[in-house]
């Protein structure tokens, strides 16, 4: 399963998440956003990343194994 291999820093989702997180942290440090807004950005960004990783792994498992979780 090629999608289940660890890609580390080569993962597009990881790089995108890191970029959004870094830019929002910079905006917080410069005082352009408040800490509450930064917290919401961090929660949404990391949540979307985790959801997309889980969804990709689930889709790969279904495509290679068929009915996941159901006896055949």
PDB file of N, CA and C in Angstrom:
ATOM      1  N   UNK A   1       0.846  -1.182   0.000  1.00  0.00           N
ATOM      2  CA  UNK A   1       0.000   0.000   0.000  1.00  0.00           C
ATOM      3  C   UNK A   1       0.885   1.236   0.000  1.00  0.00           C
ATOM      4  N   UNK A   2       0.956   1.895  -1.115  1.00  0.00           N
ATOM      5  CA  UNK A   2       1.879   3.017  -1.223  1.00  0.00           C
ATOM      6  C   UNK A   2       1.455   4.206  -0.368  1.00  0.00           C
ATOM      7  N   UNK A   3       0.155   4.391  -0.141  1.00  0.00           N
ATOM      8  CA  UNK A   3      -0.298   5.540   0.631  1.00  0.00           C
ATOM      9  C   UNK A   3      -0.011   5.380   2.116  1.00  0.00           C
ATOM     10  N   UNK A   4       0.165   4.150   2.580  1.00  0.00           N
ATOM     11  CA  UNK A   4       0.419   3.931   3.993  1.00  0.00           C
ATOM     12  C   UNK A   4       1.888   4.096   4.365  1.00  0.00           C
ATOM     13  N   UNK A   5       2.751   4.285   3.372  1.00  0.00           N
ATOM     14  CA  UNK A   5       4.156   4.535   3.648  1.00  0.00           C
ATOM     15  C   UNK A   5       4.318   5.919   4.248  1.00  0.00           C
ATOM     16  N   UNK A   6       5.235   6.042   5.203  1.00  0.00           N
ATOM     17  CA  UNK A   6       5.487   7.342   5.822  1.00  0.00           C
ATOM     18  C   UNK A   6       6.254   8.226   4.853  1.00  0.00           C
ATOM     19  N   UNK A   7       5.730   9.408   4.579  1.00  0.00           N
ATOM     20  CA  UNK A   7       6.358  10.311   3.625  1.00  0.00           C
ATOM     21  C   UNK A   7       7.109  11.452   4.307  1.00  0.00           C
ATOM     22  N   UNK A   8       6.810  11.689   5.573  1.00  0.00           N
ATOM     23  CA  UNK A   8       7.505  12.748   6.301  1.00  0.00           C
ATOM     24  C   UNK A   8       7.301  14.110   5.682  1.00  0.00           C
ATOM     25  N   UNK A   9       8.392  14.827   5.457  1.00  0.00           N
ATOM     26  CA  UNK A   9       8.312  16.190   4.943  1.00  0.00           C
ATOM     27  C   UNK A   9       7.944  16.250   3.465  1.00  0.00           C
ATOM     28  N   UNK A  10       7.891  15.113   2.784  1.00  0.00           N
ATOM     29  CA  UNK A  10       7.515  15.090   1.368  1.00  0.00           C
ATOM     30  C   UNK A  10       6.005  15.081   1.176  1.00  0.00           C
ATOM     31  N   UNK A  11       5.241  14.914   2.231  1.00  0.00           N
ATOM     32  CA  UNK A  11       3.789  14.881   2.149  1.00  0.00           C
ATOM     33  C   UNK A  11       3.246  16.285   1.873  1.00  0.00           C
ATOM     34  N   UNK A  12       2.436  16.403   0.842  1.00  0.00           N
ATOM     35  CA  UNK A  12       1.846  17.696   0.489  1.00  0.00           C
ATOM     36  C   UNK A  12       0.948  18.201   1.605  1.00  0.00           C
ATOM     37  N   UNK A  13       0.182  17.310   2.208  1.00  0.00           N
ATOM     38  CA  UNK A  13      -0.707  17.716   3.306  1.00  0.00           C
ATOM     39  C   UNK A  13       0.102  18.241   4.487  1.00  0.00           C
ATOM     40  N   UNK A  14       1.209  17.569   4.798  1.00  0.00           N
ATOM     41  CA  UNK A  14       2.026  18.010   5.933  1.00  0.00           C
ATOM     42  C   UNK A  14       2.656  19.380   5.662  1.00  0.00           C
ATOM     43  N   UNK A  15       3.169  19.568   4.466  1.00  0.00           N
ATOM     44  CA  UNK A  15       3.795  20.848   4.113  1.00  0.00           C
ATOM     45  C   UNK A  15       2.764  21.970   4.152  1.00  0.00           C
ATOM     46  N   UNK A  16       1.572  21.713   3.632  1.00  0.00           N
ATOM     47  CA  UNK A  16       0.514  22.721   3.665  1.00  0.00           C
ATOM     48  C   UNK A  16       0.109  23.072   5.085  1.00  0.00           C
ATOM     49  N   UNK A  17      -0.025  22.056   5.929  1.00  0.00           N
ATOM     50  CA  UNK A  17      -0.368  22.291   7.330  1.00  0.00           C
ATOM     51  C   UNK A  17       0.717  23.088   8.037  1.00  0.00           C
ATOM     52  N   UNK A  18       1.957  22.720   7.802  1.00  0.00           N
ATOM     53  CA  UNK A  18       3.079  23.427   8.411  1.00  0.00           C
ATOM     54  C   UNK A  18       3.126  24.883   7.953  1.00  0.00           C
ATOM     55  N   UNK A  19       2.848  25.118   6.685  1.00  0.00           N
ATOM     56  CA  UNK A  19       2.846  26.478   6.144  1.00  0.00           C
ATOM     57  C   UNK A  19       1.763  27.335   6.788  1.00  0.00           C
ATOM     58  N   UNK A  20       0.533  26.829   6.847  1.00  0.00           N
ATOM     59  CA  UNK A  20      -0.567  27.587   7.459  1.00  0.00           C
ATOM     60  C   UNK A  20      -0.293  27.835   8.932  1.00  0.00           C
ATOM     61  N   UNK A  21       0.199  26.824   9.634  1.00  0.00           N
ATOM     62  CA  UNK A  21       0.504  26.956  11.054  1.00  0.00           C
ATOM     63  C   UNK A  21       1.614  27.996  11.274  1.00  0.00           C
ATOM     64  N   UNK A  22       2.631  27.977  10.432  1.00  0.00           N
ATOM     65  CA  UNK A  22       3.749  28.922  10.567  1.00  0.00           C
ATOM     66  C   UNK A  22       3.304  30.353  10.282  1.00  0.00           C
ATOM     67  N   UNK A  23       2.520  30.540   9.229  1.00  0.00           N
ATOM     68  CA  UNK A  23       2.050  31.888   8.882  1.00  0.00           C
ATOM     69  C   UNK A  23       1.135  32.430   9.978  1.00  0.00           C
ATOM     70  N   UNK A  24       0.246  31.591  10.495  1.00  0.00           N
ATOM     71  CA  UNK A  24      -0.632  32.069  11.563  1.00  0.00           C
ATOM     72  C   UNK A  24       0.164  32.386  12.834  1.00  0.00           C
ATOM     73  N   UNK A  25       1.214  31.614  13.103  1.00  0.00           N
ATOM     74  CA  UNK A  25       2.078  31.911  14.259  1.00  0.00           C
ATOM     75  C   UNK A  25       2.822  33.225  14.062  1.00  0.00           C
ATOM     76  N   UNK A  26       3.261  33.494  12.837  1.00  0.00           N
ATOM     77  CA  UNK A  26       3.915  34.761  12.532  1.00  0.00           C
ATOM     78  C   UNK A  26       2.952  35.923  12.723  1.00  0.00           C
ATOM     79  N   UNK A  27       1.721  35.772  12.247  1.00  0.00           N
ATOM     80  CA  UNK A  27       0.705  36.819  12.426  1.00  0.00           C
ATOM     81  C   UNK A  27       0.441  37.062  13.910  1.00  0.00           C
ATOM     82  N   UNK A  28       0.431  36.005  14.713  1.00  0.00           N
ATOM     83  CA  UNK A  28       0.233  36.154  16.154  1.00  0.00           C
ATOM     84  C   UNK A  28       1.407  36.909  16.767  1.00  0.00           C
ATOM     85  N   UNK A  29       2.619  36.553  16.381  1.00  0.00           N
ATOM     86  CA  UNK A  29       3.810  37.211  16.923  1.00  0.00           C
ATOM     87  C   UNK A  29       3.853  38.693  16.541  1.00  0.00           C
ATOM     88  N   UNK A  30       3.363  39.028  15.337  1.00  0.00           N
ATOM     89  CA  UNK A  30       3.353  40.422  14.887  1.00  0.00           C
ATOM     90  C   UNK A  30       2.160  41.207  15.417  1.00  0.00           C
ATOM     91  N   UNK A  31       1.249  40.520  16.090  1.00  0.00           N
ATOM     92  CA  UNK A  31       0.084  41.187  16.653  1.00  0.00           C
ATOM     93  C   UNK A  31      -1.024  41.444  15.648  1.00  0.00           C
ATOM     94  N   UNK A  32      -1.007  40.756  14.526  1.00  0.00           N
ATOM     95  CA  UNK A  32      -2.026  40.958  13.504  1.00  0.00           C
ATOM     96  C   UNK A  32      -3.304  40.180  13.795  1.00  0.00           C
ATOM     97  N   UNK A  33      -3.209  39.125  14.605  1.00  0.00           N
ATOM     98  CA  UNK A  33      -4.380  38.379  15.044  1.00  0.00           C
ATOM     99  C   UNK A  33      -4.288  38.174  16.549  1.00  0.00           C
ATOM    100  N   UNK A  34      -5.440  37.925  17.162  1.00  0.00           N
ATOM    101  CA  UNK A  34      -5.481  37.685  18.601  1.00  0.00           C
ATOM    102  C   UNK A  34      -5.246  36.198  18.878  1.00  0.00           C
ATOM    103  N   UNK A  35      -4.934  35.886  20.114  1.00  0.00           N
ATOM    104  CA  UNK A  35      -4.621  34.504  20.467  1.00  0.00           C
ATOM    105  C   UNK A  35      -5.818  33.577  20.270  1.00  0.00           C
ATOM    106  N   UNK A  36      -7.029  34.073  20.461  1.00  0.00           N
ATOM    107  CA  UNK A  36      -8.216  33.249  20.248  1.00  0.00           C
ATOM    108  C   UNK A  36      -8.372  32.862  18.788  1.00  0.00           C
ATOM    109  N   UNK A  37      -8.075  33.798  17.893  1.00  0.00           N
ATOM    110  CA  UNK A  37      -8.145  33.498  16.465  1.00  0.00           C
ATOM    111  C   UNK A  37      -7.044  32.503  16.067  1.00  0.00           C
ATOM    112  N   UNK A  38      -5.861  32.684  16.635  1.00  0.00           N
ATOM    113  CA  UNK A  38      -4.766  31.765  16.340  1.00  0.00           C
ATOM    114  C   UNK A  38      -5.120  30.343  16.788  1.00  0.00           C
ATOM    115  N   UNK A  39      -5.739  30.239  17.961  1.00  0.00           N
ATOM    116  CA  UNK A  39      -6.140  28.932  18.469  1.00  0.00           C
ATOM    117  C   UNK A  39      -7.132  28.268  17.522  1.00  0.00           C
ATOM    118  N   UNK A  40      -8.100  29.032  17.039  1.00  0.00           N
ATOM    119  CA  UNK A  40      -9.073  28.471  16.092  1.00  0.00           C
ATOM    120  C   UNK A  40      -8.407  28.035  14.792  1.00  0.00           C
ATOM    121  N   UNK A  41      -7.478  28.836  14.290  1.00  0.00           N
ATOM    122  CA  UNK A  41      -6.761  28.464  13.071  1.00  0.00           C
ATOM    123  C   UNK A  41      -5.978  27.181  13.291  1.00  0.00           C
ATOM    124  N   UNK A  42      -5.297  27.071  14.429  1.00  0.00           N
ATOM    125  CA  UNK A  42      -4.509  25.876  14.729  1.00  0.00           C
ATOM    126  C   UNK A  42      -5.403  24.646  14.847  1.00  0.00           C
ATOM    127  N   UNK A  43      -6.524  24.774  15.528  1.00  0.00           N
ATOM    128  CA  UNK A  43      -7.441  23.650  15.696  1.00  0.00           C
ATOM    129  C   UNK A  43      -7.964  23.180  14.350  1.00  0.00           C
ATOM    130  N   UNK A  44      -8.428  24.116  13.524  1.00  0.00           N
ATOM    131  CA  UNK A  44      -8.980  23.754  12.219  1.00  0.00           C
ATOM    132  C   UNK A  44      -7.906  23.179  11.294  1.00  0.00           C
ATOM    133  N   UNK A  45      -6.739  23.783  11.283  1.00  0.00           N
ATOM    134  CA  UNK A  45      -5.674  23.315  10.401  1.00  0.00           C
ATOM    135  C   UNK A  45      -5.234  21.904  10.771  1.00  0.00           C
ATOM    136  N   UNK A  46      -4.973  21.665  12.033  1.00  0.00           N
ATOM    137  CA  UNK A  46      -4.527  20.338  12.464  1.00  0.00           C
ATOM    138  C   UNK A  46      -5.650  19.307  12.358  1.00  0.00           C
ATOM    139  N   UNK A  47      -6.889  19.737  12.578  1.00  0.00           N
ATOM    140  CA  UNK A  47      -8.029  18.829  12.425  1.00  0.00           C
ATOM    141  C   UNK A  47      -8.234  18.402  10.983  1.00  0.00           C
ATOM    142  N   UNK A  48      -8.123  19.349  10.059  1.00  0.00           N
ATOM    143  CA  UNK A  48      -8.258  19.028   8.641  1.00  0.00           C
ATOM    144  C   UNK A  48      -7.123  18.110   8.204  1.00  0.00           C
ATOM    145  N   UNK A  49      -5.921  18.363   8.693  1.00  0.00           N
ATOM    146  CA  UNK A  49      -4.782  17.498   8.364  1.00  0.00           C
ATOM    147  C   UNK A  49      -5.022  16.071   8.850  1.00  0.00           C
ATOM    148  N   UNK A  50      -5.443  15.942  10.104  1.00  0.00           N
ATOM    149  CA  UNK A  50      -5.670  14.604  10.666  1.00  0.00           C
ATOM    150  C   UNK A  50      -6.798  13.888   9.921  1.00  0.00           C
ATOM    151  N   UNK A  51      -7.865  14.619   9.611  1.00  0.00           N
ATOM    152  CA  UNK A  51      -8.976  14.017   8.880  1.00  0.00           C
ATOM    153  C   UNK A  51      -8.586  13.577   7.478  1.00  0.00           C
ATOM    154  N   UNK A  52      -7.780  14.378   6.811  1.00  0.00           N
ATOM    155  CA  UNK A  52      -7.376  14.018   5.451  1.00  0.00           C
ATOM    156  C   UNK A  52      -6.433  12.822   5.458  1.00  0.00           C
ATOM    157  N   UNK A  53      -5.563  12.728   6.441  1.00  0.00           N
ATOM    158  CA  UNK A  53      -4.681  11.573   6.551  1.00  0.00           C
ATOM    159  C   UNK A  53      -5.485  10.300   6.818  1.00  0.00           C
ATOM    160  N   UNK A  54      -6.438  10.382   7.742  1.00  0.00           N
ATOM    161  CA  UNK A  54      -7.255   9.209   8.057  1.00  0.00           C
ATOM    162  C   UNK A  54      -8.110   8.812   6.855  1.00  0.00           C
ATOM    163  N   UNK A  55      -8.682   9.801   6.175  1.00  0.00           N
ATOM    164  CA  UNK A  55      -9.496   9.511   4.999  1.00  0.00           C
ATOM    165  C   UNK A  55      -8.698   8.872   3.883  1.00  0.00           C
ATOM    166  N   UNK A  56      -7.484   9.346   3.659  1.00  0.00           N
ATOM    167  CA  UNK A  56      -6.634   8.780   2.613  1.00  0.00           C
ATOM    168  C   UNK A  56      -6.245   7.342   2.935  1.00  0.00           C
ATOM    169  N   UNK A  57      -5.931   7.080   4.182  1.00  0.00           N
ATOM    170  CA  UNK A  57      -5.560   5.720   4.569  1.00  0.00           C
ATOM    171  C   UNK A  57      -6.764   4.775   4.482  1.00  0.00           C
ATOM    172  N   UNK A  58      -7.935   5.261   4.854  1.00  0.00           N
ATOM    173  CA  UNK A  58      -9.145   4.446   4.775  1.00  0.00           C
ATOM    174  C   UNK A  58      -9.490   4.144   3.320  1.00  0.00           C
ATOM    175  N   UNK A  59      -9.394   5.152   2.460  1.00  0.00           N
ATOM    176  CA  UNK A  59      -9.689   4.947   1.042  1.00  0.00           C
ATOM    177  C   UNK A  59      -8.716   3.955   0.414  1.00  0.00           C
ATOM    178  N   UNK A  60      -7.458   4.047   0.791  1.00  0.00           N
ATOM    179  CA  UNK A  60      -6.457   3.110   0.277  1.00  0.00           C
ATOM    180  C   UNK A  60      -6.750   1.695   0.761  1.00  0.00           C
ATOM    181  N   UNK A  61      -7.149   1.560   2.016  1.00  0.00           N
ATOM    182  CA  UNK A  61      -7.455   0.235   2.559  1.00  0.00           C
ATOM    183  C   UNK A  61      -8.660  -0.366   1.858  1.00  0.00           C
ATOM    184  N   UNK A  62      -9.669   0.429   1.590  1.00  0.00           N
ATOM    185  CA  UNK A  62     -10.862  -0.078   0.902  1.00  0.00           C
ATOM    186  C   UNK A  62     -10.513  -0.491  -0.524  1.00  0.00           C
ATOM    187  N   UNK A  63      -9.703   0.308  -1.191  1.00  0.00           N
ATOM    188  CA  UNK A  63      -9.398   0.003  -2.587  1.00  0.00           C
ATOM    189  C   UNK A  63      -8.534  -1.250  -2.739  1.00  0.00           C
ATOM    190  N   UNK A  64      -7.746  -1.571  -1.735  1.00  0.00           N
ATOM    191  CA  UNK A  64      -6.873  -2.746  -1.837  1.00  0.00           C
ATOM    192  C   UNK A  64      -7.448  -3.976  -1.182  1.00  0.00           C
ATOM    193  N   UNK A  65      -8.277  -3.807  -0.163  1.00  0.00           N
ATOM    194  CA  UNK A  65      -8.792  -4.960   0.569  1.00  0.00           C
ATOM    195  C   UNK A  65     -10.279  -5.209   0.348  1.00  0.00           C
ATOM    196  N   UNK A  66     -10.978  -4.293  -0.244  1.00  0.00           N
ATOM    197  CA  UNK A  66     -12.420  -4.469  -0.446  1.00  0.00           C
ATOM    198  C   UNK A  66     -13.207  -3.943   0.729  1.00  0.00           C
ATOM    199  N   UNK A  67     -14.117  -4.734   1.243  1.00  0.00           N
ATOM    200  CA  UNK A  67     -15.004  -4.298   2.332  1.00  0.00           C
ATOM    201  C   UNK A  67     -14.267  -4.345   3.661  1.00  0.00           C
ATOM    202  N   UNK A  68     -13.780  -3.229   4.110  1.00  0.00           N
ATOM    203  CA  UNK A  68     -13.038  -3.140   5.369  1.00  0.00           C
ATOM    204  C   UNK A  68     -14.026  -3.201   6.521  1.00  0.00           C
ATOM    205  N   UNK A  69     -13.772  -4.071   7.469  1.00  0.00           N
ATOM    206  CA  UNK A  69     -14.603  -4.157   8.652  1.00  0.00           C
ATOM    207  C   UNK A  69     -15.782  -5.123   8.519  1.00  0.00           C
ATOM    208  N   UNK A  70     -16.003  -5.642   7.349  1.00  0.00           N
ATOM    209  CA  UNK A  70     -17.110  -6.569   7.152  1.00  0.00           C
ATOM    210  C   UNK A  70     -16.549  -7.931   6.743  1.00  0.00           C
ATOM    211  N   UNK A  71     -17.062  -8.981   7.357  1.00  0.00           N
ATOM    212  CA  UNK A  71     -16.576 -10.303   6.974  1.00  0.00           C
ATOM    213  C   UNK A  71     -16.976 -10.641   5.539  1.00  0.00           C
ATOM    214  N   UNK A  72     -16.090 -11.307   4.826  1.00  0.00           N
ATOM    215  CA  UNK A  72     -16.412 -11.649   3.444  1.00  0.00           C
ATOM    216  C   UNK A  72     -16.915 -13.058   3.298  1.00  0.00           C
TER     217      UNK A  72
END
